[in-house]
Amino acid sequence: MKQRIITGVIGGALFISLVIAGGWLFSTFIFIVASVAMTELLKMKKISPFSVMGLISLGSMWLLLIPSTWFDTVVTIQFTKIETFVF
C-alpha cells in the first residue's frame, strides 16, 4: 500500500506539471500513457499488439490523439481527422 501511495503521488505530480507545461510535452505524455493502456487492453483481449488488429487499433488511437492543428499542418487533404478515422 505504501508503494502505491508513493507511485500515485509521483505520478500525480508528473501529470499536473505536464498539464501546466502543456504543448508537445503534454501531447507526448498522453501518447505514451494511451499507448500503454491500449497495449494492456489488447493483452486482456488476448490480441497481440503486433498483429494486424493490434496495429490497426494502435494506429487508429494515435490518429485520434493527434492535435487537430498538427494534423491540419501535416495532412493537406480537405478532410478532418475524424473523417479520416471513419474512412
Protein backbone atom coordinates (compact mmCIF):
# COMPACT_ATOMS: atom_id res chain seq x y z
CA MET A 1 0.00 0.00 0.00
CA LYS A 2 2.85 2.36 0.81
CA GLN A 3 4.39 1.86 -2.63
CA ARG A 4 1.05 2.59 -4.34
CA ILE A 5 0.73 5.87 -2.46
CA ILE A 6 4.28 6.90 -3.37
CA THR A 7 3.70 5.94 -7.02
CA GLY A 8 0.39 7.85 -7.04
CA VAL A 9 1.97 11.00 -5.60
CA ILE A 10 4.87 10.91 -8.07
CA GLY A 11 2.52 10.15 -10.99
CA GLY A 12 0.13 12.91 -9.92
CA ALA A 13 2.94 15.45 -9.60
CA LEU A 14 4.25 14.48 -13.05
CA PHE A 15 0.79 14.69 -14.58
CA ILE A 16 0.00 18.09 -13.05
CA SER A 17 3.36 19.52 -14.09
CA LEU A 18 2.86 18.30 -17.68
CA VAL A 19 -0.67 19.74 -17.79
CA ILE A 20 0.71 23.10 -16.68
CA ALA A 21 3.60 22.89 -19.18
CA GLY A 22 1.20 21.91 -21.98
CA GLY A 23 2.26 21.85 -25.62
CA TRP A 24 4.20 18.99 -27.10
CA LEU A 25 5.34 17.69 -23.68
CA PHE A 26 1.76 17.04 -22.61
CA SER A 27 0.86 15.55 -26.01
CA THR A 28 3.84 13.19 -25.85
CA PHE A 29 2.91 12.13 -22.31
CA ILE A 30 -0.67 11.40 -23.36
CA PHE A 31 0.56 9.41 -26.39
CA ILE A 32 2.73 7.25 -24.11
CA VAL A 33 0.04 6.69 -21.48
CA ALA A 34 -2.61 5.90 -24.11
CA SER A 35 -0.26 3.51 -25.92
CA VAL A 36 0.46 1.61 -22.71
CA ALA A 37 -3.28 1.49 -21.94
CA MET A 38 -4.15 0.22 -25.44
CA THR A 39 -1.43 -2.43 -25.23
CA GLU A 40 -2.83 -3.61 -21.89
CA LEU A 41 -6.35 -3.68 -23.34
CA LEU A 42 -5.15 -5.75 -26.30
CA LYS A 43 -3.39 -8.17 -23.93
CA MET A 44 -6.61 -8.56 -21.89
CA LYS A 45 -8.45 -9.45 -25.11
CA LYS A 46 -5.59 -11.88 -25.96
CA ILE A 47 -4.68 -9.92 -29.11
CA SER A 48 -1.01 -9.37 -29.91
CA PRO A 49 -0.12 -5.66 -30.28
CA PHE A 50 1.90 -6.65 -33.35
CA SER A 51 -0.97 -8.45 -35.11
CA VAL A 52 -3.00 -6.76 -37.82
CA MET A 53 -5.86 -6.00 -35.40
CA GLY A 54 -3.41 -4.69 -32.79
CA LEU A 55 -1.63 -2.39 -35.23
CA ILE A 56 -4.93 -1.07 -36.61
CA SER A 57 -6.11 -0.39 -33.06
CA LEU A 58 -2.92 1.43 -32.10
CA GLY A 59 -2.84 3.38 -35.37
CA SER A 60 -6.47 4.46 -35.00
CA MET A 61 -5.88 5.57 -31.43
CA TRP A 62 -2.79 7.56 -32.43
CA LEU A 63 -4.73 9.22 -35.26
CA LEU A 64 -7.41 10.35 -32.84
CA LEU A 65 -4.82 11.62 -30.34
CA ILE A 66 -3.01 13.88 -32.82
CA PRO A 67 -3.90 17.50 -32.06
CA SER A 68 -6.03 18.98 -34.85
CA THR A 69 -3.56 21.78 -35.52
CA TRP A 70 -0.77 19.25 -36.10
CA PHE A 71 -2.99 17.09 -38.30
CA ASP A 72 -4.05 20.07 -40.45
CA THR A 73 -0.42 21.14 -40.87
CA VAL A 74 0.88 17.72 -41.93
CA VAL A 75 -2.07 16.37 -43.93
CA THR A 76 -3.06 18.72 -46.72
CA ILE A 77 -6.29 16.96 -47.71
CA GLN A 78 -9.62 18.66 -47.04
CA PHE A 79 -10.80 16.06 -44.51
CA THR A 80 -10.84 16.32 -40.75
CA LYS A 81 -9.06 13.72 -38.68
CA ILE A 82 -12.42 12.24 -37.61
CA GLU A 83 -13.42 11.79 -41.26
CA THR A 84 -10.04 10.16 -41.91
CA PHE A 85 -10.57 7.87 -38.91
CA VAL A 86 -14.02 6.80 -40.11
CA PHE A 87 -12.64 6.13 -43.60
